[in-house]
C-alpha cells in the first residue's frame, strides 16, 4: 500500500463519485412524512386567553432542556447549509444533496416547534427570542477542510439521532417519543450518507482521513454550542444521562469507528501513527466519561 498522499483533486473527484451513489441510495430509502400528522392539534388553546405558565408543561426539566437545545439546533439550519456548501462546493451533486438535506432537516424544526407549542411544553416567547438570537449569530465551521467536514457531520448526525431518540424515551410522553423517533430516522439516513463518504475517504487516503478524524474526535462539539444557555442546559441533559460523554463514546464514537474498522484495517506507517494517537484520545475520553458519571451519581 502506498504511503504517498493522494492529490486533493483526485480525492475530491472520488468523493463526488461516491456521493452520487450514496445520494441515489438515500433517495430510495427516504420516506415522505408530514409534520402536521405528529402534532395533537386538539390540545391547542389560545395563548391570549390562557397565557403560558410552566406548570402547564408535562415535561420534566431535563426533557425541556433537551428539546429546547435540539429545536434551536435544528433552527440554525441555514448556517449549517452555508458552512458545508462553502467548503464542499455548491455545484452538481453536492448542490442536489445539500438542498435535499436542508429540505428534510427543515421538517424537524417545523414539527418540533408545533408540537411543543400546542402541548404547552415550553414557553413559546422564550423559544422565539432564543431562535432569533441563535440564527442571528449564525454558524461558523472554523477552518475545517472537506475531510474534516465529512468526519464531523458523520459524528454530528449520529449524535443528533441519539440525542433525539434518548430524549423521546426519557420523556415518557408517547406523542413526543413518536415525533422524535420519526426525526431520528431522518438523522440516521443522513449519518449513513456521510459515514459512507468518510469510509470512501479512508479507503482512498487513510493518512489524511485519520488526521481529519482525530482532529474532530478531539474537538467535537455539537453545533448548538452558541445557543443561549447551552452550557447550563447541556449540563442538565448530561446529569440525566440523556446525552453525556458515556453516551457519546458508546453510541456515537464506538459504532462509527467499528463500522469504518479503524482499529482493524491494515494501514501504512503514517496512518498507524495517527491511529495510535486516536487510541490515546479515546482512553482520555473514557476516563473523563467515568469521572462525569461518578460525579452525577
C-alpha atoms as a PDB file:
ATOM      1  CA  UNK A   1       0.000   0.000   0.000  1.00  0.00           C
ATOM      2  CA  UNK A   2       1.397   3.370  -0.964  1.00  0.00           C
ATOM      3  CA  UNK A   3       2.053   5.928   1.742  1.00  0.00           C
ATOM      4  CA  UNK A   4       2.000   8.917  -0.613  1.00  0.00           C
ATOM      5  CA  UNK A   5      -0.740  11.462  -0.062  1.00  0.00           C
ATOM      6  CA  UNK A   6      -3.489  11.413  -2.651  1.00  0.00           C
ATOM      7  CA  UNK A   7      -3.785  14.567  -4.745  1.00  0.00           C
ATOM      8  CA  UNK A   8      -6.610  16.753  -3.377  1.00  0.00           C
ATOM      9  CA  UNK A   9      -8.350  16.978  -6.751  1.00  0.00           C
ATOM     10  CA  UNK A  10      -8.339  13.175  -7.103  1.00  0.00           C
ATOM     11  CA  UNK A  11      -9.776  12.720  -3.622  1.00  0.00           C
ATOM     12  CA  UNK A  12     -12.471  15.306  -4.355  1.00  0.00           C
ATOM     13  CA  UNK A  13     -13.385  13.523  -7.592  1.00  0.00           C
ATOM     14  CA  UNK A  14     -13.669  10.176  -5.837  1.00  0.00           C
ATOM     15  CA  UNK A  15     -15.797  11.590  -3.017  1.00  0.00           C
ATOM     16  CA  UNK A  16     -18.088  13.278  -5.518  1.00  0.00           C
ATOM     17  CA  UNK A  17     -18.482   9.985  -7.386  1.00  0.00           C
ATOM     18  CA  UNK A  18     -19.281   8.218  -4.112  1.00  0.00           C
ATOM     19  CA  UNK A  19     -21.793  10.929  -3.217  1.00  0.00           C
ATOM     20  CA  UNK A  20     -23.671  10.288  -6.457  1.00  0.00           C
ATOM     21  CA  UNK A  21     -24.144   6.646  -5.459  1.00  0.00           C
ATOM     22  CA  UNK A  22     -24.906   7.488  -1.820  1.00  0.00           C
ATOM     23  CA  UNK A  23     -27.481  10.115  -2.806  1.00  0.00           C
ATOM     24  CA  UNK A  24     -29.277   7.656  -5.085  1.00  0.00           C
ATOM     25  CA  UNK A  25     -29.409   5.168  -2.203  1.00  0.00           C
ATOM     26  CA  UNK A  26     -30.663   7.853   0.171  1.00  0.00           C
ATOM     27  CA  UNK A  27     -33.496   8.862  -2.142  1.00  0.00           C
ATOM     28  CA  UNK A  28     -34.580   5.226  -2.404  1.00  0.00           C
ATOM     29  CA  UNK A  29     -34.655   4.819   1.376  1.00  0.00           C
ATOM     30  CA  UNK A  30     -36.096   8.190   2.442  1.00  0.00           C
ATOM     31  CA  UNK A  31     -39.812   8.232   3.179  1.00  0.00           C
ATOM     32  CA  UNK A  32     -42.085  11.246   2.963  1.00  0.00           C
ATOM     33  CA  UNK A  33     -43.710  12.321   6.207  1.00  0.00           C
ATOM     34  CA  UNK A  34     -45.777  15.301   7.274  1.00  0.00           C
ATOM     35  CA  UNK A  35     -45.224  17.353  10.436  1.00  0.00           C
ATOM     36  CA  UNK A  36     -48.918  18.094  10.978  1.00  0.00           C
ATOM     37  CA  UNK A  37     -49.589  14.373  11.460  1.00  0.00           C
ATOM     38  CA  UNK A  38     -47.386  14.324  14.563  1.00  0.00           C
ATOM     39  CA  UNK A  39     -48.981  17.299  16.343  1.00  0.00           C
ATOM     40  CA  UNK A  40     -52.009  16.827  18.690  1.00  0.00           C
ATOM     41  CA  UNK A  41     -53.887  19.860  17.392  1.00  0.00           C
ATOM     42  CA  UNK A  42     -56.889  19.092  19.600  1.00  0.00           C
ATOM     43  CA  UNK A  43     -54.848  20.148  22.637  1.00  0.00           C
ATOM     44  CA  UNK A  44     -54.259  23.665  21.276  1.00  0.00           C
ATOM     45  CA  UNK A  45     -55.583  26.729  23.079  1.00  0.00           C
ATOM     46  CA  UNK A  46     -55.243  30.459  22.540  1.00  0.00           C
ATOM     47  CA  UNK A  47     -52.289  31.976  24.411  1.00  0.00           C
ATOM     48  CA  UNK A  48     -54.076  35.314  24.529  1.00  0.00           C
ATOM     49  CA  UNK A  49     -56.840  33.700  26.540  1.00  0.00           C
ATOM     50  CA  UNK A  50     -54.631  31.329  28.540  1.00  0.00           C
ATOM     51  CA  UNK A  51     -51.070  32.678  28.937  1.00  0.00           C
ATOM     52  CA  UNK A  52     -48.266  30.169  29.276  1.00  0.00           C
ATOM     53  CA  UNK A  53     -47.224  29.011  32.727  1.00  0.00           C
ATOM     54  CA  UNK A  54     -44.501  26.457  33.392  1.00  0.00           C
ATOM     55  CA  UNK A  55     -46.909  24.281  35.374  1.00  0.00           C
ATOM     56  CA  UNK A  56     -48.795  23.577  32.130  1.00  0.00           C
ATOM     57  CA  UNK A  57     -45.884  21.523  30.808  1.00  0.00           C
ATOM     58  CA  UNK A  58     -45.943  17.772  31.359  1.00  0.00           C
ATOM     59  CA  UNK A  59     -42.243  17.527  30.523  1.00  0.00           C
ATOM     60  CA  UNK A  60     -39.539  17.267  33.169  1.00  0.00           C
ATOM     61  CA  UNK A  61     -36.861  19.938  33.497  1.00  0.00           C
ATOM     62  CA  UNK A  62     -34.342  17.612  31.871  1.00  0.00           C
ATOM     63  CA  UNK A  63     -36.531  16.878  28.846  1.00  0.00           C
ATOM     64  CA  UNK A  64     -37.436  20.562  28.405  1.00  0.00           C
ATOM     65  CA  UNK A  65     -33.735  21.437  28.398  1.00  0.00           C
ATOM     66  CA  UNK A  66     -33.022  18.748  25.833  1.00  0.00           C
ATOM     67  CA  UNK A  67     -35.849  19.556  23.431  1.00  0.00           C
ATOM     68  CA  UNK A  68     -35.071  23.256  23.559  1.00  0.00           C
ATOM     69  CA  UNK A  69     -31.436  22.586  22.670  1.00  0.00           C
ATOM     70  CA  UNK A  70     -32.485  20.168  19.955  1.00  0.00           C
ATOM     71  CA  UNK A  71     -35.003  22.556  18.435  1.00  0.00           C
ATOM     72  CA  UNK A  72     -32.680  25.560  18.441  1.00  0.00           C
ATOM     73  CA  UNK A  73     -30.000  23.412  16.820  1.00  0.00           C
ATOM     74  CA  UNK A  74     -32.462  22.443  14.083  1.00  0.00           C
ATOM     75  CA  UNK A  75     -33.453  26.105  13.679  1.00  0.00           C
ATOM     76  CA  UNK A  76     -29.917  27.132  12.722  1.00  0.00           C
ATOM     77  CA  UNK A  77     -30.103  25.046   9.551  1.00  0.00           C
ATOM     78  CA  UNK A  78     -29.273  27.923   7.146  1.00  0.00           C
ATOM     79  CA  UNK A  79     -25.944  28.362   8.916  1.00  0.00           C
ATOM     80  CA  UNK A  80     -25.032  24.696   8.517  1.00  0.00           C
ATOM     81  CA  UNK A  81     -26.086  24.685   4.865  1.00  0.00           C
ATOM     82  CA  UNK A  82     -23.898  27.690   4.159  1.00  0.00           C
ATOM     83  CA  UNK A  83     -20.917  26.302   6.055  1.00  0.00           C
ATOM     84  CA  UNK A  84     -20.955  22.950   4.252  1.00  0.00           C
ATOM     85  CA  UNK A  85     -21.547  24.455   0.824  1.00  0.00           C
ATOM     86  CA  UNK A  86     -18.650  26.881   1.248  1.00  0.00           C
ATOM     87  CA  UNK A  87     -16.248  24.021   1.943  1.00  0.00           C
ATOM     88  CA  UNK A  88     -17.619  21.258  -0.269  1.00  0.00           C
ATOM     89  CA  UNK A  89     -18.833  23.442  -3.131  1.00  0.00           C
ATOM     90  CA  UNK A  90     -22.352  24.144  -4.313  1.00  0.00           C
ATOM     91  CA  UNK A  91     -22.423  22.611  -7.768  1.00  0.00           C
ATOM     92  CA  UNK A  92     -23.705  19.425  -9.374  1.00  0.00           C
ATOM     93  CA  UNK A  93     -24.357  16.550  -6.977  1.00  0.00           C
ATOM     94  CA  UNK A  94     -23.251  18.481  -3.886  1.00  0.00           C
ATOM     95  CA  UNK A  95     -25.900  21.102  -4.550  1.00  0.00           C
ATOM     96  CA  UNK A  96     -28.543  18.420  -5.132  1.00  0.00           C
ATOM     97  CA  UNK A  97     -27.645  16.708  -1.868  1.00  0.00           C
ATOM     98  CA  UNK A  98     -27.366  19.840   0.266  1.00  0.00           C
ATOM     99  CA  UNK A  99     -30.700  21.185  -0.952  1.00  0.00           C
ATOM    100  CA  UNK A 100     -32.389  17.839  -0.296  1.00  0.00           C
ATOM    101  CA  UNK A 101     -30.747  17.521   3.128  1.00  0.00           C
ATOM    102  CA  UNK A 102     -31.840  21.064   4.018  1.00  0.00           C
ATOM    103  CA  UNK A 103     -35.419  20.347   2.984  1.00  0.00           C
ATOM    104  CA  UNK A 104     -35.530  17.189   5.099  1.00  0.00           C
ATOM    105  CA  UNK A 105     -33.935  18.857   8.116  1.00  0.00           C
ATOM    106  CA  UNK A 106     -36.346  21.784   7.833  1.00  0.00           C
ATOM    107  CA  UNK A 107     -39.253  19.499   8.737  1.00  0.00           C
ATOM    108  CA  UNK A 108     -37.682  18.777  12.089  1.00  0.00           C
ATOM    109  CA  UNK A 109     -37.860  22.343  13.322  1.00  0.00           C
ATOM    110  CA  UNK A 110     -41.398  22.789  11.992  1.00  0.00           C
ATOM    111  CA  UNK A 111     -42.684  19.640  13.663  1.00  0.00           C
ATOM    112  CA  UNK A 112     -40.892  20.167  16.972  1.00  0.00           C
ATOM    113  CA  UNK A 113     -41.995  23.778  17.363  1.00  0.00           C
ATOM    114  CA  UNK A 114     -45.605  22.986  16.537  1.00  0.00           C
ATOM    115  CA  UNK A 115     -45.659  20.048  18.949  1.00  0.00           C
ATOM    116  CA  UNK A 116     -44.061  21.971  21.803  1.00  0.00           C
ATOM    117  CA  UNK A 117     -46.318  24.990  21.276  1.00  0.00           C
ATOM    118  CA  UNK A 118     -49.573  23.047  21.001  1.00  0.00           C
ATOM    119  CA  UNK A 119     -48.808  20.915  24.069  1.00  0.00           C
ATOM    120  CA  UNK A 120     -47.533  23.951  26.022  1.00  0.00           C
ATOM    121  CA  UNK A 121     -44.359  22.045  26.732  1.00  0.00           C
ATOM    122  CA  UNK A 122     -42.158  25.144  26.722  1.00  0.00           C
ATOM    123  CA  UNK A 123     -42.615  28.916  26.761  1.00  0.00           C
ATOM    124  CA  UNK A 124     -43.200  29.999  23.118  1.00  0.00           C
ATOM    125  CA  UNK A 125     -41.907  33.508  23.814  1.00  0.00           C
ATOM    126  CA  UNK A 126     -38.623  32.128  25.118  1.00  0.00           C
ATOM    127  CA  UNK A 127     -38.400  29.795  22.125  1.00  0.00           C
ATOM    128  CA  UNK A 128     -38.855  32.648  19.667  1.00  0.00           C
ATOM    129  CA  UNK A 129     -36.450  35.002  21.432  1.00  0.00           C
ATOM    130  CA  UNK A 130     -33.804  32.296  21.513  1.00  0.00           C
ATOM    131  CA  UNK A 131     -34.452  31.346  17.895  1.00  0.00           C
ATOM    132  CA  UNK A 132     -33.765  34.925  16.869  1.00  0.00           C
ATOM    133  CA  UNK A 133     -30.571  35.081  18.914  1.00  0.00           C
ATOM    134  CA  UNK A 134     -29.341  31.708  17.659  1.00  0.00           C
ATOM    135  CA  UNK A 135     -29.996  32.359  13.987  1.00  0.00           C
ATOM    136  CA  UNK A 136     -28.674  35.909  14.173  1.00  0.00           C
ATOM    137  CA  UNK A 137     -25.380  34.528  15.456  1.00  0.00           C
ATOM    138  CA  UNK A 138     -25.198  32.077  12.549  1.00  0.00           C
ATOM    139  CA  UNK A 139     -22.753  29.194  12.468  1.00  0.00           C
ATOM    140  CA  UNK A 140     -19.004  29.175  11.928  1.00  0.00           C
ATOM    141  CA  UNK A 141     -17.380  25.895  10.899  1.00  0.00           C
ATOM    142  CA  UNK A 142     -13.921  27.280  11.580  1.00  0.00           C
ATOM    143  CA  UNK A 143     -11.017  26.170   9.418  1.00  0.00           C
ATOM    144  CA  UNK A 144     -12.328  22.696   8.582  1.00  0.00           C
ATOM    145  CA  UNK A 145     -11.413  21.305   5.192  1.00  0.00           C
ATOM    146  CA  UNK A 146     -13.561  18.838   3.262  1.00  0.00           C
ATOM    147  CA  UNK A 147     -12.357  15.726   5.083  1.00  0.00           C
ATOM    148  CA  UNK A 148     -12.875  17.292   8.473  1.00  0.00           C
ATOM    149  CA  UNK A 149     -16.360  18.426   7.472  1.00  0.00           C
ATOM    150  CA  UNK A 150     -17.300  14.885   6.451  1.00  0.00           C
ATOM    151  CA  UNK A 151     -15.773  13.400   9.603  1.00  0.00           C
ATOM    152  CA  UNK A 152     -17.607  15.949  11.752  1.00  0.00           C
ATOM    153  CA  UNK A 153     -21.035  15.591  10.181  1.00  0.00           C
ATOM    154  CA  UNK A 154     -20.773  11.791  10.379  1.00  0.00           C
ATOM    155  CA  UNK A 155     -20.445  12.135  14.151  1.00  0.00           C
ATOM    156  CA  UNK A 156     -22.831  15.068  14.470  1.00  0.00           C
ATOM    157  CA  UNK A 157     -25.689  13.428  12.572  1.00  0.00           C
ATOM    158  CA  UNK A 158     -25.388  10.288  14.686  1.00  0.00           C
ATOM    159  CA  UNK A 159     -25.113  12.356  17.865  1.00  0.00           C
ATOM    160  CA  UNK A 160     -28.268  14.255  16.892  1.00  0.00           C
ATOM    161  CA  UNK A 161     -30.105  10.999  16.215  1.00  0.00           C
ATOM    162  CA  UNK A 162     -29.083   9.648  19.609  1.00  0.00           C
ATOM    163  CA  UNK A 163     -29.981  12.892  21.412  1.00  0.00           C
ATOM    164  CA  UNK A 164     -33.455  12.986  19.848  1.00  0.00           C
ATOM    165  CA  UNK A 165     -34.112   9.289  20.447  1.00  0.00           C
ATOM    166  CA  UNK A 166     -32.934   9.330  24.053  1.00  0.00           C
ATOM    167  CA  UNK A 167     -34.947  12.469  24.779  1.00  0.00           C
ATOM    168  CA  UNK A 168     -38.129  10.860  23.482  1.00  0.00           C
ATOM    169  CA  UNK A 169     -37.641   7.726  25.548  1.00  0.00           C
ATOM    170  CA  UNK A 170     -36.754   9.717  28.671  1.00  0.00           C
ATOM    171  CA  UNK A 171     -39.822  11.943  28.306  1.00  0.00           C
ATOM    172  CA  UNK A 172     -42.445   9.231  28.964  1.00  0.00           C
ATOM    173  CA  UNK A 173     -44.675  11.203  26.563  1.00  0.00           C
ATOM    174  CA  UNK A 174     -45.825   8.875  23.739  1.00  0.00           C
ATOM    175  CA  UNK A 175     -46.514  11.728  21.321  1.00  0.00           C
ATOM    176  CA  UNK A 176     -43.121  13.340  21.766  1.00  0.00           C
ATOM    177  CA  UNK A 177     -41.396   9.966  21.649  1.00  0.00           C
ATOM    178  CA  UNK A 178     -43.157   9.170  18.362  1.00  0.00           C
ATOM    179  CA  UNK A 179     -42.150  12.503  16.821  1.00  0.00           C
ATOM    180  CA  UNK A 180     -38.532  12.270  17.940  1.00  0.00           C
ATOM    181  CA  UNK A 181     -38.325   8.694  16.692  1.00  0.00           C
ATOM    182  CA  UNK A 182     -39.502   9.901  13.269  1.00  0.00           C
ATOM    183  CA  UNK A 183     -36.920  12.707  13.268  1.00  0.00           C
ATOM    184  CA  UNK A 184     -34.242  10.245  14.373  1.00  0.00           C
ATOM    185  CA  UNK A 185     -34.965   8.106  11.325  1.00  0.00           C
ATOM    186  CA  UNK A 186     -34.096  11.063   9.082  1.00  0.00           C
ATOM    187  CA  UNK A 187     -30.950  11.798  11.070  1.00  0.00           C
ATOM    188  CA  UNK A 188     -29.872   8.183  10.739  1.00  0.00           C
ATOM    189  CA  UNK A 189     -30.172   8.274   6.951  1.00  0.00           C
ATOM    190  CA  UNK A 190     -28.161  11.488   6.854  1.00  0.00           C
ATOM    191  CA  UNK A 191     -25.498   9.892   9.025  1.00  0.00           C
ATOM    192  CA  UNK A 192     -25.356   6.842   6.754  1.00  0.00           C
ATOM    193  CA  UNK A 193     -24.618   9.018   3.728  1.00  0.00           C
ATOM    194  CA  UNK A 194     -21.812  10.932   5.422  1.00  0.00           C
ATOM    195  CA  UNK A 195     -20.491   7.742   7.012  1.00  0.00           C
ATOM    196  CA  UNK A 196     -20.252   6.208   3.544  1.00  0.00           C
ATOM    197  CA  UNK A 197     -18.395   9.247   2.218  1.00  0.00           C
ATOM    198  CA  UNK A 198     -15.891   9.144   5.043  1.00  0.00           C
ATOM    199  CA  UNK A 199     -15.406   5.422   4.518  1.00  0.00           C
ATOM    200  CA  UNK A 200     -14.509   6.161   0.907  1.00  0.00           C
ATOM    201  CA  UNK A 201     -12.018   8.789   2.049  1.00  0.00           C
ATOM    202  CA  UNK A 202     -10.479   6.296   4.457  1.00  0.00           C
ATOM    203  CA  UNK A 203     -10.009   3.807   1.623  1.00  0.00           C
ATOM    204  CA  UNK A 204      -8.572   6.432  -0.710  1.00  0.00           C
ATOM    205  CA  UNK A 205      -6.257   8.317   1.631  1.00  0.00           C
ATOM    206  CA  UNK A 206      -6.070   6.759   5.121  1.00  0.00           C
ATOM    207  CA  UNK A 207      -3.430   9.185   6.367  1.00  0.00           C
ATOM    208  CA  UNK A 208      -5.357  12.380   5.676  1.00  0.00           C
ATOM    209  CA  UNK A 209      -8.674  10.784   6.591  1.00  0.00           C
ATOM    210  CA  UNK A 210      -7.424   9.638  10.005  1.00  0.00           C
ATOM    211  CA  UNK A 211      -5.831  13.018  10.641  1.00  0.00           C
ATOM    212  CA  UNK A 212      -9.220  14.622   9.957  1.00  0.00           C
ATOM    213  CA  UNK A 213     -10.987  12.102  12.177  1.00  0.00           C
ATOM    214  CA  UNK A 214      -8.520  12.622  15.010  1.00  0.00           C
ATOM    215  CA  UNK A 215      -8.999  16.394  14.875  1.00  0.00           C
ATOM    216  CA  UNK A 216     -12.777  16.070  15.005  1.00  0.00           C
ATOM    217  CA  UNK A 217     -12.841  13.472  17.786  1.00  0.00           C
ATOM    218  CA  UNK A 218     -10.583  15.692  19.884  1.00  0.00           C
ATOM    219  CA  UNK A 219     -12.522  18.891  19.297  1.00  0.00           C
ATOM    220  CA  UNK A 220     -16.054  17.554  18.865  1.00  0.00           C
ATOM    221  CA  UNK A 221     -18.818  19.873  19.940  1.00  0.00           C
ATOM    222  CA  UNK A 222     -22.457  19.845  18.944  1.00  0.00           C
ATOM    223  CA  UNK A 223     -23.278  22.713  16.550  1.00  0.00           C
ATOM    224  CA  UNK A 224     -25.581  24.272  19.139  1.00  0.00           C
ATOM    225  CA  UNK A 225     -22.788  25.421  21.455  1.00  0.00           C
ATOM    226  CA  UNK A 226     -23.651  29.054  20.650  1.00  0.00           C
ATOM    227  CA  UNK A 227     -27.274  28.644  21.724  1.00  0.00           C
ATOM    228  CA  UNK A 228     -28.330  30.825  24.687  1.00  0.00           C
ATOM    229  CA  UNK A 229     -27.977  28.829  27.887  1.00  0.00           C
ATOM    230  CA  UNK A 230     -26.254  25.941  26.101  1.00  0.00           C
ATOM    231  CA  UNK A 231     -23.769  25.104  28.872  1.00  0.00           C
ATOM    232  CA  UNK A 232     -26.418  25.120  31.603  1.00  0.00           C
ATOM    233  CA  UNK A 233     -28.897  23.051  29.624  1.00  0.00           C
ATOM    234  CA  UNK A 234     -26.259  20.622  28.355  1.00  0.00           C
ATOM    235  CA  UNK A 235     -25.206  20.029  31.964  1.00  0.00           C
ATOM    236  CA  UNK A 236     -28.804  19.247  32.946  1.00  0.00           C
ATOM    237  CA  UNK A 237     -29.119  16.851  29.987  1.00  0.00           C
ATOM    238  CA  UNK A 238     -25.816  15.181  30.852  1.00  0.00           C
ATOM    239  CA  UNK A 239     -26.705  14.686  34.527  1.00  0.00           C
ATOM    240  CA  UNK A 240     -29.910  12.964  33.435  1.00  0.00           C
ATOM    241  CA  UNK A 241     -27.908  10.606  31.214  1.00  0.00           C
ATOM    242  CA  UNK A 242     -29.810  11.686  28.095  1.00  0.00           C
ATOM    243  CA  UNK A 243     -26.581  12.709  26.396  1.00  0.00           C
ATOM    244  CA  UNK A 244     -23.251  12.746  28.173  1.00  0.00           C
ATOM    245  CA  UNK A 245     -19.703  11.615  27.433  1.00  0.00           C
ATOM    246  CA  UNK A 246     -20.556   7.977  28.084  1.00  0.00           C
ATOM    247  CA  UNK A 247     -23.429   8.132  25.604  1.00  0.00           C
ATOM    248  CA  UNK A 248     -21.184   9.921  23.113  1.00  0.00           C
ATOM    249  CA  UNK A 249     -18.481   7.273  23.459  1.00  0.00           C
ATOM    250  CA  UNK A 250     -20.744   4.226  23.430  1.00  0.00           C
ATOM    251  CA  UNK A 251     -23.467   5.301  20.991  1.00  0.00           C
ATOM    252  CA  UNK A 252     -21.571   7.574  18.606  1.00  0.00           C
ATOM    253  CA  UNK A 253     -17.825   7.012  18.557  1.00  0.00           C
ATOM    254  CA  UNK A 254     -17.772   3.247  19.121  1.00  0.00           C
ATOM    255  CA  UNK A 255     -20.248   2.315  16.352  1.00  0.00           C
ATOM    256  CA  UNK A 256     -18.677   4.678  13.815  1.00  0.00           C
ATOM    257  CA  UNK A 257     -15.127   3.550  14.491  1.00  0.00           C
ATOM    258  CA  UNK A 258     -16.313  -0.044  14.330  1.00  0.00           C
ATOM    259  CA  UNK A 259     -18.118   0.467  11.040  1.00  0.00           C
ATOM    260  CA  UNK A 260     -15.026   2.056   9.492  1.00  0.00           C
ATOM    261  CA  UNK A 261     -12.853  -0.703  11.022  1.00  0.00           C
ATOM    262  CA  UNK A 262     -10.424   1.962  12.158  1.00  0.00           C
ATOM    263  CA  UNK A 263      -8.606  -0.365  14.552  1.00  0.00           C
ATOM    264  CA  UNK A 264      -8.844  -3.487  12.393  1.00  0.00           C
ATOM    265  CA  UNK A 265      -7.759  -2.378   8.933  1.00  0.00           C
ATOM    266  CA  UNK A 266      -4.150  -2.593   7.687  1.00  0.00           C
ATOM    267  CA  UNK A 267      -2.600   0.841   7.389  1.00  0.00           C
ATOM    268  CA  UNK A 268       0.620   2.447   6.158  1.00  0.00           C
ATOM    269  CA  UNK A 269       3.045   3.552   8.924  1.00  0.00           C
ATOM    270  CA  UNK A 270       1.979   7.227   8.804  1.00  0.00           C
ATOM    271  CA  UNK A 271      -1.650   6.270   9.299  1.00  0.00           C
ATOM    272  CA  UNK A 272      -0.779   3.815  12.071  1.00  0.00           C
ATOM    273  CA  UNK A 273       0.876   6.664  13.962  1.00  0.00           C
ATOM    274  CA  UNK A 274      -2.303   8.737  13.718  1.00  0.00           C
ATOM    275  CA  UNK A 275      -4.387   5.751  14.803  1.00  0.00           C
ATOM    276  CA  UNK A 276      -2.176   5.362  17.876  1.00  0.00           C
ATOM    277  CA  UNK A 277      -2.884   8.993  18.763  1.00  0.00           C
ATOM    278  CA  UNK A 278      -6.598   8.361  18.314  1.00  0.00           C
ATOM    279  CA  UNK A 279      -6.415   5.400  20.702  1.00  0.00           C
ATOM    280  CA  UNK A 280      -4.881   7.640  23.363  1.00  0.00           C
ATOM    281  CA  UNK A 281      -7.603  10.238  22.849  1.00  0.00           C
ATOM    282  CA  UNK A 282     -10.276   7.577  23.291  1.00  0.00           C
ATOM    283  CA  UNK A 283      -8.655   6.432  26.522  1.00  0.00           C
ATOM    284  CA  UNK A 284      -8.827  10.003  27.796  1.00  0.00           C
ATOM    285  CA  UNK A 285     -12.485  10.274  26.783  1.00  0.00           C
ATOM    286  CA  UNK A 286     -13.174   7.053  28.691  1.00  0.00           C
ATOM    287  CA  UNK A 287     -11.518   8.500  31.809  1.00  0.00           C
ATOM    288  CA  UNK A 288     -13.466  11.726  31.540  1.00  0.00           C
ATOM    289  CA  UNK A 289     -16.726   9.851  30.926  1.00  0.00           C
ATOM    290  CA  UNK A 290     -16.210   7.695  34.033  1.00  0.00           C
ATOM    291  CA  UNK A 291     -15.451  10.781  36.104  1.00  0.00           C
ATOM    292  CA  UNK A 292     -18.534  12.564  34.757  1.00  0.00           C
ATOM    293  CA  UNK A 293     -20.820   9.657  35.566  1.00  0.00           C
ATOM    294  CA  UNK A 294     -19.310   9.298  39.029  1.00  0.00           C
ATOM    295  CA  UNK A 295     -19.898  12.989  39.693  1.00  0.00           C
ATOM    296  CA  UNK A 296     -23.538  12.695  38.610  1.00  0.00           C
ATOM    297  CA  UNK A 297     -24.240   9.655  40.786  1.00  0.00           C
END
